[in-house]
């Protein structure tokens, strides 16, 4: 074998032995997500136990009060309506005929009452003249009694016919009320969310105690709020007017301001082991509600206390209650116990144990990490990722 080939083989052997030796004496650095400790804002909050819901301040699930066939449907889903607009009509030609007949009868009764009252007035004046004639001796007592009796009877007939006219007009009101029941009107301005009726269908009112689909679902989307359940243990710390942070799945990353508008005066026990109190919150940032839909899922955090310019860590950086992995100058991990203050879902106040500028592992994996491990800088995260 030539001398050059021998040298190459020797060189490769040396390199191989060196790599194996380094591998055996050096552990592989682990890439982690790193957070640098800085000052910021930390809130103490109470959060809902289950997802809340965006609701409208006014929402009416409307159905006609009478049975009948749908003859007019004046709206579609998405239609904007004003108070009093007729949304739907049932067949009512029979009621129209009854109303016309009642109106004619009322006019006839009024005319008859007017004629009777004129005769009664004439009889009254005739009785007065009879009294004058009786004083002068021109008529007998019997004739005067006849005139007075006729006047009294005519007056009673006048009152009776007036009552008949009033009853006839009241009958018009009864038929008009029945006619109104065949028309479904908008109780407030809003947008039609759903229509569950078709021309020609026969509609019937819902039986007592049995819920059925509304003919028309009307929503006033100009006023929205969030309703969410708070655990009964936290409820005593919630009061009207408290600041609220609202987040929605449909608007990821956005935090919308709000205020507590109502705390229910009772506890819901639908789930016996998770009793809750319903809390409602108004939106205080109208510009962020423009594209919001009724029914969106939403979460609320009621702010109990707010501190600014304090050392803080993401809540995800802690493990074993109050411990973190701090990265030492030599890129190895150290396990540090910290004293905490205010806590929220996002951040925790650090009272002692860390200083500004310290680097810690965010989202530590307990099965992988331990004190003394070598850490790689390749997967560091900026603080902005957690603000």
Foldseek 3Di string as FASTA:
>chain_A
DDPVVVVVVVVVVVVVVVVVVCPVVDDDAAAFAKEFWFFWKFFFWFKFPDWWFKAFPDKDQAAFPAKAAWADAPDAAFDWDFFFDFGTFGDDPVLVVVLVVLVVVLVVLVVVLVVLVVVLVVLVVVLVVVVVCVVVPNDDPVVSVVSVVSNVVSVVSSVVSVVVSVVSVVVSVVSVVVRVSRTIGHNHTFGWHDADDDHGDIDHDDPPPDDDRGRIMTGHLLFMKIKGWGFPVCLVLDDWFFKKWKDFPVDPPDTFIWTWHDWDPDWDCPPVVGITIITMIGTPDSVVSPPPDGGTTMMMIGTNDMDGGFTKDFPQQDDPVFWWWWQDPQQWTDIWGFDWDRDDNTMIGTPDTDDRRIMTGGNDDVVPDDGGHHHDPPNYDYPVVRD
